[in-house]
PDB file of all heavy atoms in Angstrom:
ATOM      1  N   VAL A   1       0.874  -1.164   0.004  1.00  0.00           N
ATOM      2  CA  VAL A   1       0.000  -0.001  -0.003  1.00  0.00           C
ATOM      3  C   VAL A   1       0.910   1.210   0.006  1.00  0.00           C
ATOM      4  O   VAL A   1       1.799   1.327   0.841  1.00  0.00           O
ATOM      5  CB  VAL A   1      -0.907   0.011   1.254  1.00  0.00           C
ATOM      6  CG1 VAL A   1      -1.731   1.284   1.303  1.00  0.00           C
ATOM      7  CG2 VAL A   1      -1.774  -1.217   1.295  1.00  0.00           C
ATOM      8  N   MET A   2       0.692   2.093  -0.939  1.00  0.00           N
ATOM      9  CA  MET A   2       1.532   3.292  -1.008  1.00  0.00           C
ATOM     10  C   MET A   2       1.007   4.303   0.005  1.00  0.00           C
ATOM     11  O   MET A   2      -0.137   4.720  -0.069  1.00  0.00           O
ATOM     12  CB  MET A   2       1.494   3.887  -2.412  1.00  0.00           C
ATOM     13  CG  MET A   2       1.931   2.904  -3.477  1.00  0.00           C
ATOM     14  SD  MET A   2       3.488   2.077  -3.126  1.00  0.00           S
ATOM     15  CE  MET A   2       4.619   3.346  -3.594  1.00  0.00           C
ATOM     16  N   GLU A   3       1.829   4.631   0.974  1.00  0.00           N
ATOM     17  CA  GLU A   3       1.465   5.594   2.015  1.00  0.00           C
ATOM     18  C   GLU A   3       2.635   6.534   2.217  1.00  0.00           C
ATOM     19  O   GLU A   3       3.772   6.112   2.249  1.00  0.00           O
ATOM     20  CB  GLU A   3       1.141   4.873   3.322  1.00  0.00           C
ATOM     21  CG  GLU A   3       0.778   5.822   4.438  1.00  0.00           C
ATOM     22  CD  GLU A   3       0.472   5.081   5.713  1.00  0.00           C
ATOM     23  OE1 GLU A   3      -0.669   4.660   5.888  1.00  0.00           O
ATOM     24  OE2 GLU A   3       1.381   4.958   6.538  1.00  0.00           O
ATOM     25  N   GLU A   4       2.345   7.781   2.358  1.00  0.00           N
ATOM     26  CA  GLU A   4       3.394   8.767   2.542  1.00  0.00           C
ATOM     27  C   GLU A   4       4.050   8.584   3.910  1.00  0.00           C
ATOM     28  O   GLU A   4       3.376   8.470   4.932  1.00  0.00           O
ATOM     29  CB  GLU A   4       2.795  10.182   2.437  1.00  0.00           C
ATOM     30  CG  GLU A   4       3.835  11.265   2.438  1.00  0.00           C
ATOM     31  CD  GLU A   4       3.204  12.623   2.222  1.00  0.00           C
ATOM     32  OE1 GLU A   4       2.186  12.703   1.526  1.00  0.00           O
ATOM     33  OE2 GLU A   4       3.763  13.597   2.738  1.00  0.00           O
ATOM     34  N   LYS A   5       5.369   8.556   3.889  1.00  0.00           N
ATOM     35  CA  LYS A   5       6.126   8.440   5.127  1.00  0.00           C
ATOM     36  C   LYS A   5       6.336   9.817   5.719  1.00  0.00           C
ATOM     37  O   LYS A   5       6.292  10.823   5.027  1.00  0.00           O
ATOM     38  CB  LYS A   5       7.487   7.791   4.865  1.00  0.00           C
ATOM     39  CG  LYS A   5       7.405   6.337   4.446  1.00  0.00           C
ATOM     40  CD  LYS A   5       8.785   5.777   4.281  1.00  0.00           C
ATOM     41  CE  LYS A   5       8.753   4.342   3.833  1.00  0.00           C
ATOM     42  NZ  LYS A   5      10.084   3.771   3.713  1.00  0.00           N
ATOM     43  N   GLU A   6       6.582   9.857   7.033  1.00  0.00           N
ATOM     44  CA  GLU A   6       6.875  11.126   7.699  1.00  0.00           C
ATOM     45  C   GLU A   6       8.278  11.596   7.301  1.00  0.00           C
ATOM     46  O   GLU A   6       9.115  10.809   6.888  1.00  0.00           O
ATOM     47  CB  GLU A   6       6.811  10.941   9.216  1.00  0.00           C
ATOM     48  CG  GLU A   6       5.429  10.562   9.737  1.00  0.00           C
ATOM     49  CD  GLU A   6       4.429  11.704   9.636  1.00  0.00           C
ATOM     50  OE1 GLU A   6       4.843  12.867   9.749  1.00  0.00           O
ATOM     51  OE2 GLU A   6       3.246  11.405   9.447  1.00  0.00           O
ATOM     52  N   SER A   7       8.531  12.849   7.468  1.00  0.00           N
ATOM     53  CA  SER A   7       9.798  13.431   7.021  1.00  0.00           C
ATOM     54  C   SER A   7      10.984  13.036   7.896  1.00  0.00           C
ATOM     55  O   SER A   7      12.116  13.160   7.481  1.00  0.00           O
ATOM     56  CB  SER A   7       9.677  14.955   7.014  1.00  0.00           C
ATOM     57  OG  SER A   7       9.527  15.420   8.343  1.00  0.00           O
ATOM     58  N   GLY A   8      10.757  12.585   9.109  1.00  0.00           N
ATOM     59  CA  GLY A   8      11.853  12.239   9.994  1.00  0.00           C
ATOM     60  C   GLY A   8      12.339  13.423  10.816  1.00  0.00           C
ATOM     61  O   GLY A   8      13.307  13.322  11.536  1.00  0.00           O
ATOM     62  N   LYS A   9      11.695  14.574  10.698  1.00  0.00           N
ATOM     63  CA  LYS A   9      12.095  15.769  11.439  1.00  0.00           C
ATOM     64  C   LYS A   9      11.711  15.662  12.908  1.00  0.00           C
ATOM     65  O   LYS A   9      12.262  16.350  13.741  1.00  0.00           O
ATOM     66  CB  LYS A   9      11.458  17.017  10.819  1.00  0.00           C
ATOM     67  CG  LYS A   9      11.965  17.296   9.425  1.00  0.00           C
ATOM     68  CD  LYS A   9      11.272  18.481   8.815  1.00  0.00           C
ATOM     69  CE  LYS A   9      11.705  18.665   7.371  1.00  0.00           C
ATOM     70  NZ  LYS A   9      10.916  19.664   6.681  1.00  0.00           N
ATOM     71  N   ASN A  10      10.745  14.812  13.219  1.00  0.00           N
ATOM     72  CA  ASN A  10      10.319  14.651  14.602  1.00  0.00           C
ATOM     73  C   ASN A  10      11.408  13.951  15.399  1.00  0.00           C
ATOM     74  O   ASN A  10      12.137  13.108  14.878  1.00  0.00           O
ATOM     75  CB  ASN A  10       9.044  13.822  14.668  1.00  0.00           C
ATOM     76  CG  ASN A  10       7.900  14.479  13.934  1.00  0.00           C
ATOM     77  OD1 ASN A  10       7.953  15.648  13.603  1.00  0.00           O
ATOM     78  ND2 ASN A  10       6.862  13.716  13.675  1.00  0.00           N
ATOM     79  N   THR A  11      11.496  14.281  16.685  1.00  0.00           N
ATOM     80  CA  THR A  11      12.458  13.596  17.537  1.00  0.00           C
ATOM     81  C   THR A  11      11.788  12.571  18.434  1.00  0.00           C
ATOM     82  O   THR A  11      12.448  11.701  18.988  1.00  0.00           O
ATOM     83  CB  THR A  11      13.248  14.611  18.400  1.00  0.00           C
ATOM     84  OG1 THR A  11      12.321  15.403  19.133  1.00  0.00           O
ATOM     85  CG2 THR A  11      14.116  15.501  17.529  1.00  0.00           C
ATOM     86  N   PHE A  12      10.445  12.675  18.577  1.00  0.00           N
ATOM     87  CA  PHE A  12       9.683  11.729  19.381  1.00  0.00           C
ATOM     88  C   PHE A  12       8.380  11.405  18.677  1.00  0.00           C
ATOM     89  O   PHE A  12       7.885  12.190  17.864  1.00  0.00           O
ATOM     90  CB  PHE A  12       9.381  12.301  20.769  1.00  0.00           C
ATOM     91  CG  PHE A  12      10.602  12.476  21.616  1.00  0.00           C
ATOM     92  CD1 PHE A  12      11.260  13.691  21.670  1.00  0.00           C
ATOM     93  CD2 PHE A  12      11.111  11.411  22.353  1.00  0.00           C
ATOM     94  CE1 PHE A  12      12.405  13.857  22.430  1.00  0.00           C
ATOM     95  CE2 PHE A  12      12.252  11.571  23.124  1.00  0.00           C
ATOM     96  CZ  PHE A  12      12.888  12.795  23.163  1.00  0.00           C
ATOM     97  N   HIS A  13       7.825  10.239  19.003  1.00  0.00           N
ATOM     98  CA  HIS A  13       6.536   9.829  18.467  1.00  0.00           C
ATOM     99  C   HIS A  13       5.739   9.237  19.616  1.00  0.00           C
ATOM    100  O   HIS A  13       6.271   8.453  20.397  1.00  0.00           O
ATOM    101  CB  HIS A  13       6.730   8.783  17.354  1.00  0.00           C
ATOM    102  CG  HIS A  13       5.451   8.154  16.903  1.00  0.00           C
ATOM    103  ND1 HIS A  13       4.629   8.752  15.977  1.00  0.00           N
ATOM    104  CD2 HIS A  13       4.856   6.989  17.255  1.00  0.00           C
ATOM    105  CE1 HIS A  13       3.570   7.967  15.771  1.00  0.00           C
ATOM    106  NE2 HIS A  13       3.706   6.905  16.535  1.00  0.00           N
ATOM    107  N   THR A  14       4.464   9.579  19.720  1.00  0.00           N
ATOM    108  CA  THR A  14       3.599   8.992  20.728  1.00  0.00           C
ATOM    109  C   THR A  14       2.847   7.837  20.092  1.00  0.00           C
ATOM    110  O   THR A  14       2.132   8.027  19.102  1.00  0.00           O
ATOM    111  CB  THR A  14       2.612  10.037  21.285  1.00  0.00           C
ATOM    112  OG1 THR A  14       3.372  11.138  21.827  1.00  0.00           O
ATOM    113  CG2 THR A  14       1.745   9.438  22.376  1.00  0.00           C
ATOM    114  N   ALA A  15       3.033   6.646  20.632  1.00  0.00           N
ATOM    115  CA  ALA A  15       2.454   5.431  20.071  1.00  0.00           C
ATOM    116  C   ALA A  15       0.928   5.459  20.122  1.00  0.00           C
ATOM    117  O   ALA A  15       0.339   5.857  21.121  1.00  0.00           O
ATOM    118  CB  ALA A  15       2.972   4.204  20.796  1.00  0.00           C
ATOM    119  N   ARG A  16       0.335   5.019  19.015  1.00  0.00           N
ATOM    120  CA  ARG A  16      -1.111   4.890  18.942  1.00  0.00           C
ATOM    121  C   ARG A  16      -1.488   3.453  19.255  1.00  0.00           C
ATOM    122  O   ARG A  16      -0.658   2.551  19.247  1.00  0.00           O
ATOM    123  CB  ARG A  16      -1.600   5.252  17.537  1.00  0.00           C
ATOM    124  CG  ARG A  16      -1.331   6.705  17.183  1.00  0.00           C
ATOM    125  CD  ARG A  16      -1.884   7.039  15.827  1.00  0.00           C
ATOM    126  NE  ARG A  16      -1.434   8.352  15.427  1.00  0.00           N
ATOM    127  CZ  ARG A  16      -0.508   8.592  14.508  1.00  0.00           C
ATOM    128  NH1 ARG A  16       0.036   7.602  13.858  1.00  0.00           N
ATOM    129  NH2 ARG A  16      -0.151   9.828  14.232  1.00  0.00           N
ATOM    130  N   ASP A  17      -2.763   3.236  19.502  1.00  0.00           N
ATOM    131  CA  ASP A  17      -3.267   1.895  19.804  1.00  0.00           C
ATOM    132  C   ASP A  17      -2.909   0.947  18.670  1.00  0.00           C
ATOM    133  O   ASP A  17      -3.165   1.226  17.501  1.00  0.00           O
ATOM    134  CB  ASP A  17      -4.780   1.946  19.992  1.00  0.00           C
ATOM    135  CG  ASP A  17      -5.336   0.598  20.401  1.00  0.00           C
ATOM    136  OD1 ASP A  17      -4.674  -0.140  21.155  1.00  0.00           O
ATOM    137  OD2 ASP A  17      -6.461   0.263  19.948  1.00  0.00           O
ATOM    138  N   GLY A  18      -2.289  -0.169  18.991  1.00  0.00           N
ATOM    139  CA  GLY A  18      -1.967  -1.199  18.009  1.00  0.00           C
ATOM    140  C   GLY A  18      -0.649  -1.003  17.288  1.00  0.00           C
ATOM    141  O   GLY A  18      -0.217  -1.878  16.549  1.00  0.00           O
ATOM    142  N   GLU A  19       0.024   0.125  17.478  1.00  0.00           N
ATOM    143  CA  GLU A  19       1.316   0.349  16.830  1.00  0.00           C
ATOM    144  C   GLU A  19       2.413  -0.437  17.532  1.00  0.00           C
ATOM    145  O   GLU A  19       2.336  -0.690  18.730  1.00  0.00           O
ATOM    146  CB  GLU A  19       1.702   1.845  16.880  1.00  0.00           C
ATOM    147  CG  GLU A  19       1.193   2.662  15.779  1.00  0.00           C
ATOM    148  CD  GLU A  19       1.766   4.063  15.776  1.00  0.00           C
ATOM    149  OE1 GLU A  19       1.966   4.663  16.856  1.00  0.00           O
ATOM    150  OE2 GLU A  19       1.997   4.565  14.681  1.00  0.00           O
ATOM    151  N   ASN A  20       3.459  -0.779  16.780  1.00  0.00           N
ATOM    152  CA  ASN A  20       4.630  -1.388  17.364  1.00  0.00           C
ATOM    153  C   ASN A  20       5.859  -0.697  16.772  1.00  0.00           C
ATOM    154  O   ASN A  20       5.729   0.208  15.944  1.00  0.00           O
ATOM    155  CB  ASN A  20       4.640  -2.902  17.152  1.00  0.00           C
ATOM    156  CG  ASN A  20       4.610  -3.280  15.683  1.00  0.00           C
ATOM    157  OD1 ASN A  20       5.366  -2.736  14.883  1.00  0.00           O
ATOM    158  ND2 ASN A  20       3.738  -4.199  15.317  1.00  0.00           N
ATOM    159  N   LEU A  21       7.053  -1.112  17.184  1.00  0.00           N
ATOM    160  CA  LEU A  21       8.252  -0.437  16.710  1.00  0.00           C
ATOM    161  C   LEU A  21       8.465  -0.602  15.213  1.00  0.00           C
ATOM    162  O   LEU A  21       9.033   0.273  14.553  1.00  0.00           O
ATOM    163  CB  LEU A  21       9.501  -0.893  17.478  1.00  0.00           C
ATOM    164  CG  LEU A  21       9.636  -0.385  18.903  1.00  0.00           C
ATOM    165  CD1 LEU A  21      10.999  -0.759  19.477  1.00  0.00           C
ATOM    166  CD2 LEU A  21       9.436   1.111  18.999  1.00  0.00           C
ATOM    167  N   TRP A  22       8.004  -1.718  14.627  1.00  0.00           N
ATOM    168  CA  TRP A  22       8.146  -1.882  13.178  1.00  0.00           C
ATOM    169  C   TRP A  22       7.287  -0.864  12.436  1.00  0.00           C
ATOM    170  O   TRP A  22       7.732  -0.296  11.438  1.00  0.00           O
ATOM    171  CB  TRP A  22       7.802  -3.305  12.734  1.00  0.00           C
ATOM    172  CG  TRP A  22       8.915  -4.271  13.006  1.00  0.00           C
ATOM    173  CD1 TRP A  22      10.054  -4.438  12.280  1.00  0.00           C
ATOM    174  CD2 TRP A  22       9.012  -5.175  14.099  1.00  0.00           C
ATOM    175  NE1 TRP A  22      10.847  -5.385  12.850  1.00  0.00           N
ATOM    176  CE2 TRP A  22      10.241  -5.866  13.971  1.00  0.00           C
ATOM    177  CE3 TRP A  22       8.180  -5.483  15.175  1.00  0.00           C
ATOM    178  CZ2 TRP A  22      10.654  -6.832  14.860  1.00  0.00           C
ATOM    179  CZ3 TRP A  22       8.588  -6.453  16.058  1.00  0.00           C
ATOM    180  CH2 TRP A  22       9.813  -7.121  15.907  1.00  0.00           C
ATOM    181  N   ASP A  23       6.082  -0.619  12.920  1.00  0.00           N
ATOM    182  CA  ASP A  23       5.227   0.394  12.302  1.00  0.00           C
ATOM    183  C   ASP A  23       5.899   1.765  12.345  1.00  0.00           C
ATOM    184  O   ASP A  23       5.921   2.498  11.352  1.00  0.00           O
ATOM    185  CB  ASP A  23       3.872   0.495  13.028  1.00  0.00           C
ATOM    186  CG  ASP A  23       3.062  -0.776  12.988  1.00  0.00           C
ATOM    187  OD1 ASP A  23       3.087  -1.458  11.939  1.00  0.00           O
ATOM    188  OD2 ASP A  23       2.401  -1.080  13.992  1.00  0.00           O
ATOM    189  N   ILE A  24       6.438   2.104  13.495  1.00  0.00           N
ATOM    190  CA  ILE A  24       7.074   3.401  13.702  1.00  0.00           C
ATOM    191  C   ILE A  24       8.357   3.503  12.875  1.00  0.00           C
ATOM    192  O   ILE A  24       8.641   4.536  12.261  1.00  0.00           O
ATOM    193  CB  ILE A  24       7.309   3.656  15.195  1.00  0.00           C
ATOM    194  CG1 ILE A  24       5.952   3.686  15.928  1.00  0.00           C
ATOM    195  CG2 ILE A  24       8.101   4.935  15.432  1.00  0.00           C
ATOM    196  CD1 ILE A  24       6.034   3.534  17.422  1.00  0.00           C
ATOM    197  N   SER A  25       9.115   2.415  12.832  1.00  0.00           N
ATOM    198  CA  SER A  25      10.322   2.365  12.016  1.00  0.00           C
ATOM    199  C   SER A  25      10.006   2.667  10.550  1.00  0.00           C
ATOM    200  O   SER A  25      10.691   3.463   9.898  1.00  0.00           O
ATOM    201  CB  SER A  25      10.945   0.971  12.149  1.00  0.00           C
ATOM    202  OG  SER A  25      11.939   0.764  11.165  1.00  0.00           O
TER     203      SER A  25
END
């Protein structure tokens, strides 16, 4: 599925329900 990735400018991310480190990676 083509989905736009974040720019990487953030230094922190707050996990959403069901997310894991692979999703965030």
